[in-house]
């Protein structure tokens, strides 16, 4: 395993806490020093998942950044359309944000809001 750049451990820990917001209704699929992944507790309604739980969110520590994945963004256009320009700058693809430093309070609050809204959208569809 490679050593992460200085400071990435703090970024990982901070983003991991955002992921954990709905831990009481989700299951931990991975919990290590480099990955924290949450999934729903029910089998996915989609046949391609073959009865496995639905992926919800993940934080991954990489060599160049820490990534925060939030699947509900990929599946909810109104939610993804509500992303601020500041957070959008950190976006990679449709449901991932990359960070090299701990996000400021405004970005953390926005990630928490998006995570909560994403959980609510999955819960409304009975996917978690």
N, C-alpha and C. Protein backbone atom coordinates (compact mmCIF):
# COMPACT_ATOMS: atom_id res chain seq x y z
N UNK A 1 0.85 -1.18 0.00
CA UNK A 1 0.00 0.00 0.00
C UNK A 1 0.90 1.24 0.00
N UNK A 2 0.52 2.21 -0.81
CA UNK A 2 1.30 3.45 -0.89
C UNK A 2 0.92 4.39 0.25
N UNK A 3 1.82 5.27 0.58
CA UNK A 3 1.57 6.26 1.62
C UNK A 3 0.86 7.45 1.00
N UNK A 4 -0.18 7.92 1.65
CA UNK A 4 -0.93 9.06 1.13
C UNK A 4 -0.17 10.36 1.41
N UNK A 5 -0.38 11.35 0.55
CA UNK A 5 0.25 12.66 0.81
C UNK A 5 -0.20 13.23 2.16
N UNK A 6 0.64 14.06 2.72
CA UNK A 6 0.35 14.67 4.01
C UNK A 6 -0.99 15.39 3.96
N UNK A 7 -1.78 15.21 4.98
CA UNK A 7 -3.07 15.89 5.06
C UNK A 7 -4.24 15.10 4.51
N UNK A 8 -3.98 14.13 3.65
CA UNK A 8 -5.09 13.39 3.06
C UNK A 8 -5.85 12.57 4.11
N UNK A 9 -5.16 12.13 5.15
CA UNK A 9 -5.84 11.37 6.20
C UNK A 9 -6.92 12.22 6.87
N UNK A 10 -6.63 13.50 7.09
CA UNK A 10 -7.61 14.41 7.70
C UNK A 10 -8.78 14.66 6.74
N UNK A 11 -8.49 14.80 5.46
CA UNK A 11 -9.54 14.99 4.45
C UNK A 11 -10.43 13.76 4.44
N UNK A 12 -9.83 12.57 4.42
CA UNK A 12 -10.57 11.31 4.43
C UNK A 12 -11.47 11.23 5.66
N UNK A 13 -10.93 11.53 6.83
CA UNK A 13 -11.70 11.44 8.07
C UNK A 13 -12.88 12.41 8.06
N UNK A 14 -12.67 13.61 7.55
CA UNK A 14 -13.73 14.62 7.50
C UNK A 14 -14.85 14.19 6.56
N UNK A 15 -14.49 13.72 5.36
CA UNK A 15 -15.51 13.29 4.39
C UNK A 15 -16.20 12.01 4.84
N UNK A 16 -15.49 11.16 5.55
CA UNK A 16 -16.08 9.92 6.09
C UNK A 16 -17.23 10.27 7.04
N UNK A 17 -17.06 11.32 7.82
CA UNK A 17 -18.12 11.74 8.75
C UNK A 17 -19.38 12.18 7.99
N UNK A 18 -19.21 12.83 6.84
CA UNK A 18 -20.37 13.23 6.03
C UNK A 18 -21.10 11.97 5.56
N UNK A 19 -20.36 10.98 5.12
CA UNK A 19 -20.95 9.71 4.66
C UNK A 19 -21.75 9.04 5.78
N UNK A 20 -21.27 9.12 6.99
CA UNK A 20 -21.86 8.39 8.12
C UNK A 20 -23.19 8.96 8.61
N UNK A 21 -23.63 10.06 8.06
CA UNK A 21 -24.82 10.75 8.55
C UNK A 21 -26.05 9.84 8.69
N UNK A 22 -26.24 8.93 7.76
CA UNK A 22 -27.41 8.04 7.79
C UNK A 22 -27.03 6.59 8.06
N UNK A 23 -25.98 6.41 8.82
CA UNK A 23 -25.48 5.07 9.11
C UNK A 23 -26.53 4.19 9.78
N UNK A 24 -27.44 4.78 10.51
CA UNK A 24 -28.48 3.99 11.18
C UNK A 24 -29.40 3.27 10.19
N UNK A 25 -29.45 3.71 8.93
CA UNK A 25 -30.32 3.09 7.92
C UNK A 25 -29.55 2.48 6.75
N UNK A 26 -28.22 2.50 6.83
CA UNK A 26 -27.37 1.95 5.77
C UNK A 26 -26.43 0.91 6.37
N UNK A 27 -25.76 0.16 5.51
CA UNK A 27 -24.77 -0.82 5.96
C UNK A 27 -23.39 -0.45 5.46
N UNK A 28 -22.40 -0.74 6.26
CA UNK A 28 -21.01 -0.49 5.88
C UNK A 28 -20.54 -1.66 5.04
N UNK A 29 -20.12 -1.36 3.82
CA UNK A 29 -19.59 -2.40 2.94
C UNK A 29 -18.06 -2.48 3.04
N UNK A 30 -17.43 -1.33 3.24
CA UNK A 30 -15.97 -1.28 3.40
C UNK A 30 -15.62 -0.22 4.42
N UNK A 31 -14.69 -0.54 5.30
CA UNK A 31 -14.23 0.42 6.31
C UNK A 31 -12.76 0.16 6.57
N UNK A 32 -11.91 0.90 5.88
CA UNK A 32 -10.46 0.76 6.05
C UNK A 32 -9.85 2.16 6.10
N UNK A 33 -8.56 2.23 6.13
CA UNK A 33 -7.88 3.53 6.16
C UNK A 33 -7.90 4.22 4.80
N UNK A 34 -8.34 3.50 3.76
CA UNK A 34 -8.36 4.09 2.41
C UNK A 34 -9.73 4.06 1.75
N UNK A 35 -10.71 3.39 2.35
CA UNK A 35 -12.05 3.33 1.74
C UNK A 35 -13.12 3.19 2.82
N UNK A 36 -14.18 3.95 2.64
CA UNK A 36 -15.36 3.83 3.49
C UNK A 36 -16.57 3.86 2.57
N UNK A 37 -17.30 2.75 2.49
CA UNK A 37 -18.41 2.61 1.55
C UNK A 37 -19.68 2.18 2.27
N UNK A 38 -20.78 2.87 1.95
CA UNK A 38 -22.09 2.55 2.50
C UNK A 38 -23.02 2.07 1.40
N UNK A 39 -23.84 1.08 1.74
CA UNK A 39 -24.84 0.54 0.82
C UNK A 39 -26.18 0.45 1.57
N UNK A 40 -27.25 0.30 0.81
CA UNK A 40 -28.56 0.11 1.42
C UNK A 40 -28.65 -1.25 2.11
N UNK A 41 -29.68 -1.42 2.88
CA UNK A 41 -29.86 -2.69 3.59
C UNK A 41 -30.79 -3.65 2.85
N UNK A 42 -31.43 -3.17 1.80
CA UNK A 42 -32.35 -3.99 1.03
C UNK A 42 -31.70 -4.40 -0.29
N UNK A 43 -32.14 -5.50 -0.87
CA UNK A 43 -31.63 -5.85 -2.20
C UNK A 43 -32.04 -4.78 -3.20
N UNK A 44 -31.14 -4.48 -4.12
CA UNK A 44 -31.43 -3.48 -5.15
C UNK A 44 -32.60 -3.93 -6.02
N UNK A 45 -33.44 -2.99 -6.45
CA UNK A 45 -34.55 -3.35 -7.32
C UNK A 45 -34.12 -3.54 -8.78
N UNK A 46 -32.85 -3.28 -9.07
CA UNK A 46 -32.38 -3.37 -10.44
C UNK A 46 -31.76 -4.74 -10.72
N UNK A 47 -32.16 -5.38 -11.81
CA UNK A 47 -31.67 -6.74 -12.08
C UNK A 47 -30.16 -6.83 -12.26
N UNK A 48 -29.52 -5.78 -12.74
CA UNK A 48 -28.07 -5.84 -12.94
C UNK A 48 -27.31 -5.96 -11.62
N UNK A 49 -27.95 -5.65 -10.51
CA UNK A 49 -27.29 -5.77 -9.21
C UNK A 49 -27.45 -7.17 -8.61
N UNK A 50 -28.27 -7.99 -9.25
CA UNK A 50 -28.44 -9.40 -8.88
C UNK A 50 -28.75 -9.59 -7.39
N UNK A 51 -29.63 -8.73 -6.86
CA UNK A 51 -30.06 -8.88 -5.48
C UNK A 51 -29.13 -8.29 -4.45
N UNK A 52 -28.01 -7.72 -4.89
CA UNK A 52 -27.10 -7.08 -3.94
C UNK A 52 -27.66 -5.73 -3.53
N UNK A 53 -27.22 -5.21 -2.37
CA UNK A 53 -27.71 -3.90 -1.94
C UNK A 53 -27.26 -2.78 -2.88
N UNK A 54 -28.01 -1.70 -2.85
CA UNK A 54 -27.72 -0.53 -3.68
C UNK A 54 -26.58 0.28 -3.06
N UNK A 55 -25.58 0.61 -3.88
CA UNK A 55 -24.49 1.48 -3.45
C UNK A 55 -25.07 2.85 -3.12
N UNK A 56 -24.62 3.47 -2.04
CA UNK A 56 -25.09 4.80 -1.68
C UNK A 56 -23.97 5.83 -1.74
N UNK A 57 -22.91 5.63 -0.96
CA UNK A 57 -21.83 6.62 -0.94
C UNK A 57 -20.51 5.96 -0.57
N UNK A 58 -19.43 6.68 -0.88
CA UNK A 58 -18.11 6.16 -0.58
C UNK A 58 -17.11 7.30 -0.49
N UNK A 59 -16.12 7.11 0.36
CA UNK A 59 -14.97 8.01 0.43
C UNK A 59 -13.76 7.13 0.17
N UNK A 60 -12.90 7.59 -0.75
CA UNK A 60 -11.71 6.81 -1.10
C UNK A 60 -10.48 7.70 -1.10
N UNK A 61 -9.46 7.21 -0.42
CA UNK A 61 -8.20 7.94 -0.34
C UNK A 61 -7.30 7.44 -1.47
N UNK A 62 -6.93 8.34 -2.36
CA UNK A 62 -6.07 7.98 -3.48
C UNK A 62 -4.71 8.64 -3.37
N UNK A 63 -3.92 8.50 -4.43
CA UNK A 63 -2.57 9.09 -4.44
C UNK A 63 -2.60 10.59 -4.64
N UNK A 64 -3.57 11.09 -5.42
CA UNK A 64 -3.59 12.51 -5.77
C UNK A 64 -4.70 13.30 -5.08
N UNK A 65 -5.69 12.61 -4.49
CA UNK A 65 -6.81 13.29 -3.87
C UNK A 65 -7.65 12.29 -3.08
N UNK A 66 -8.61 12.81 -2.33
CA UNK A 66 -9.62 11.99 -1.65
C UNK A 66 -10.92 12.21 -2.41
N UNK A 67 -11.57 11.13 -2.80
CA UNK A 67 -12.81 11.25 -3.56
C UNK A 67 -14.02 10.94 -2.69
N UNK A 68 -15.08 11.68 -2.94
CA UNK A 68 -16.36 11.52 -2.25
C UNK A 68 -17.39 11.16 -3.32
N UNK A 69 -17.91 9.94 -3.28
CA UNK A 69 -18.88 9.45 -4.26
C UNK A 69 -20.27 9.45 -3.63
N UNK A 70 -21.25 9.95 -4.37
CA UNK A 70 -22.63 9.99 -3.88
C UNK A 70 -23.56 9.59 -5.03
N UNK A 71 -23.92 8.30 -5.07
CA UNK A 71 -24.70 7.77 -6.18
C UNK A 71 -26.03 8.47 -6.42
N UNK A 72 -26.75 8.92 -5.42
CA UNK A 72 -28.02 9.60 -5.70
C UNK A 72 -27.89 10.77 -6.67
N UNK A 73 -26.73 11.40 -6.72
CA UNK A 73 -26.53 12.50 -7.68
C UNK A 73 -26.65 12.00 -9.11
N UNK A 74 -26.18 10.80 -9.34
CA UNK A 74 -26.20 10.21 -10.68
C UNK A 74 -27.63 9.90 -11.12
N UNK A 75 -28.48 9.62 -10.15
CA UNK A 75 -29.82 9.15 -10.46
C UNK A 75 -30.91 10.20 -10.23
N UNK A 76 -30.53 11.41 -9.90
CA UNK A 76 -31.52 12.44 -9.57
C UNK A 76 -31.07 13.78 -10.17
N UNK A 77 -31.62 14.12 -11.32
CA UNK A 77 -31.20 15.32 -12.03
C UNK A 77 -31.46 16.60 -11.25
N UNK A 78 -32.57 16.66 -10.54
CA UNK A 78 -32.85 17.88 -9.77
C UNK A 78 -31.84 18.05 -8.64
N UNK A 79 -31.40 16.96 -8.06
CA UNK A 79 -30.38 17.02 -7.00
C UNK A 79 -29.04 17.44 -7.58
N UNK A 80 -28.64 16.85 -8.68
CA UNK A 80 -27.36 17.21 -9.29
C UNK A 80 -27.38 18.64 -9.84
N UNK A 81 -28.55 19.12 -10.21
CA UNK A 81 -28.67 20.49 -10.71
C UNK A 81 -28.56 21.54 -9.62
N UNK A 82 -28.62 21.12 -8.36
CA UNK A 82 -28.56 22.05 -7.23
C UNK A 82 -27.15 22.22 -6.68
N UNK A 83 -26.15 21.69 -7.38
CA UNK A 83 -24.76 21.78 -6.90
C UNK A 83 -24.21 23.18 -7.18
N UNK A 84 -23.62 23.77 -6.18
CA UNK A 84 -23.06 25.12 -6.32
C UNK A 84 -21.86 25.12 -7.26
N UNK A 85 -21.55 26.28 -7.85
CA UNK A 85 -20.36 26.38 -8.71
C UNK A 85 -19.07 26.00 -7.96
N UNK A 86 -18.97 26.35 -6.69
CA UNK A 86 -17.77 26.03 -5.91
C UNK A 86 -17.58 24.53 -5.77
N UNK A 87 -18.65 23.81 -5.52
CA UNK A 87 -18.55 22.36 -5.39
C UNK A 87 -18.41 21.72 -6.77
N UNK A 88 -19.07 22.28 -7.76
CA UNK A 88 -19.00 21.76 -9.13
C UNK A 88 -17.55 21.74 -9.63
N UNK A 89 -16.73 22.69 -9.19
CA UNK A 89 -15.32 22.73 -9.59
C UNK A 89 -14.58 21.47 -9.16
N UNK A 90 -15.05 20.84 -8.11
CA UNK A 90 -14.40 19.64 -7.59
C UNK A 90 -15.01 18.36 -8.15
N UNK A 91 -15.99 18.50 -9.02
CA UNK A 91 -16.72 17.35 -9.53
C UNK A 91 -15.93 16.61 -10.60
N UNK A 92 -15.95 15.30 -10.50
CA UNK A 92 -15.34 14.40 -11.47
C UNK A 92 -16.43 13.44 -11.90
N UNK A 93 -16.87 13.52 -13.12
CA UNK A 93 -17.97 12.67 -13.57
C UNK A 93 -19.29 13.21 -13.06
N UNK A 94 -20.25 12.30 -12.84
CA UNK A 94 -21.60 12.72 -12.46
C UNK A 94 -21.90 12.60 -10.97
N UNK A 95 -21.06 11.88 -10.23
CA UNK A 95 -21.41 11.63 -8.83
C UNK A 95 -20.19 11.59 -7.91
N UNK A 96 -19.11 12.25 -8.29
CA UNK A 96 -17.87 12.18 -7.52
C UNK A 96 -17.25 13.57 -7.39
N UNK A 97 -16.70 13.84 -6.21
CA UNK A 97 -16.00 15.08 -5.95
C UNK A 97 -14.61 14.74 -5.42
N UNK A 98 -13.60 15.47 -5.87
CA UNK A 98 -12.23 15.23 -5.44
C UNK A 98 -11.73 16.39 -4.57
N UNK A 99 -11.03 16.03 -3.49
CA UNK A 99 -10.52 17.01 -2.54
C UNK A 99 -9.06 16.72 -2.22
N UNK A 100 -8.25 17.78 -2.17
CA UNK A 100 -6.86 17.68 -1.74
C UNK A 100 -6.67 18.28 -0.36
N UNK A 101 -7.65 19.08 0.07
CA UNK A 101 -7.63 19.68 1.40
C UNK A 101 -9.01 19.48 2.02
N UNK A 102 -9.08 19.68 3.32
CA UNK A 102 -10.36 19.59 4.01
C UNK A 102 -11.28 20.67 3.45
N UNK A 103 -12.47 20.29 3.02
CA UNK A 103 -13.41 21.30 2.49
C UNK A 103 -13.74 22.35 3.55
N UNK A 104 -13.97 23.58 3.09
CA UNK A 104 -14.36 24.62 4.03
C UNK A 104 -15.78 24.34 4.54
N UNK A 105 -16.21 25.12 5.51
CA UNK A 105 -17.50 24.88 6.16
C UNK A 105 -18.66 24.92 5.17
N UNK A 106 -18.62 25.82 4.20
CA UNK A 106 -19.71 25.92 3.23
C UNK A 106 -19.79 24.68 2.35
N UNK A 107 -18.65 24.18 1.89
CA UNK A 107 -18.66 22.97 1.05
C UNK A 107 -19.08 21.75 1.86
N UNK A 108 -18.62 21.67 3.11
CA UNK A 108 -19.04 20.55 3.96
C UNK A 108 -20.54 20.58 4.19
N UNK A 109 -21.09 21.76 4.46
CA UNK A 109 -22.54 21.88 4.66
C UNK A 109 -23.29 21.48 3.40
N UNK A 110 -22.77 21.85 2.25
CA UNK A 110 -23.43 21.48 0.99
C UNK A 110 -23.36 19.97 0.76
N UNK A 111 -22.21 19.36 1.04
CA UNK A 111 -22.11 17.90 0.91
C UNK A 111 -23.08 17.20 1.86
N UNK A 112 -23.20 17.72 3.07
CA UNK A 112 -24.14 17.13 4.02
C UNK A 112 -25.58 17.28 3.54
N UNK A 113 -25.91 18.44 2.98
CA UNK A 113 -27.25 18.66 2.45
C UNK A 113 -27.54 17.72 1.28
N UNK A 114 -26.59 17.59 0.37
CA UNK A 114 -26.76 16.69 -0.78
C UNK A 114 -26.87 15.23 -0.33
N UNK A 115 -26.07 14.85 0.65
CA UNK A 115 -26.12 13.48 1.17
C UNK A 115 -27.48 13.21 1.80
N UNK A 116 -27.98 14.16 2.58
CA UNK A 116 -29.30 14.01 3.20
C UNK A 116 -30.40 13.94 2.14
N UNK A 117 -30.36 14.84 1.17
CA UNK A 117 -31.37 14.83 0.10
C UNK A 117 -31.27 13.56 -0.74
N UNK A 118 -30.05 13.09 -0.98
CA UNK A 118 -29.86 11.84 -1.71
C UNK A 118 -30.42 10.66 -0.95
N UNK A 119 -30.18 10.63 0.36
CA UNK A 119 -30.74 9.55 1.17
C UNK A 119 -32.26 9.60 1.13
N UNK A 120 -32.82 10.78 1.26
CA UNK A 120 -34.28 10.92 1.22
C UNK A 120 -34.83 10.43 -0.11
N UNK A 121 -34.16 10.76 -1.22
CA UNK A 121 -34.65 10.31 -2.53
C UNK A 121 -34.60 8.79 -2.65
N UNK A 122 -33.56 8.16 -2.12
CA UNK A 122 -33.48 6.69 -2.14
C UNK A 122 -34.52 6.10 -1.20
N UNK A 123 -34.70 6.71 -0.04
CA UNK A 123 -35.67 6.21 0.94
C UNK A 123 -37.10 6.33 0.38
N UNK A 124 -37.40 7.43 -0.29
CA UNK A 124 -38.73 7.61 -0.89
C UNK A 124 -39.03 6.53 -1.92
N UNK A 125 -38.00 6.01 -2.57
CA UNK A 125 -38.17 4.94 -3.58
C UNK A 125 -38.05 3.56 -2.95
N UNK A 126 -37.84 3.51 -1.64
CA UNK A 126 -37.72 2.25 -0.90
C UNK A 126 -36.48 1.45 -1.34
N UNK A 127 -35.39 2.16 -1.64
CA UNK A 127 -34.17 1.51 -2.09
C UNK A 127 -33.17 1.27 -0.97
N UNK A 128 -33.40 1.82 0.21
CA UNK A 128 -32.45 1.64 1.30
C UNK A 128 -33.08 0.84 2.42
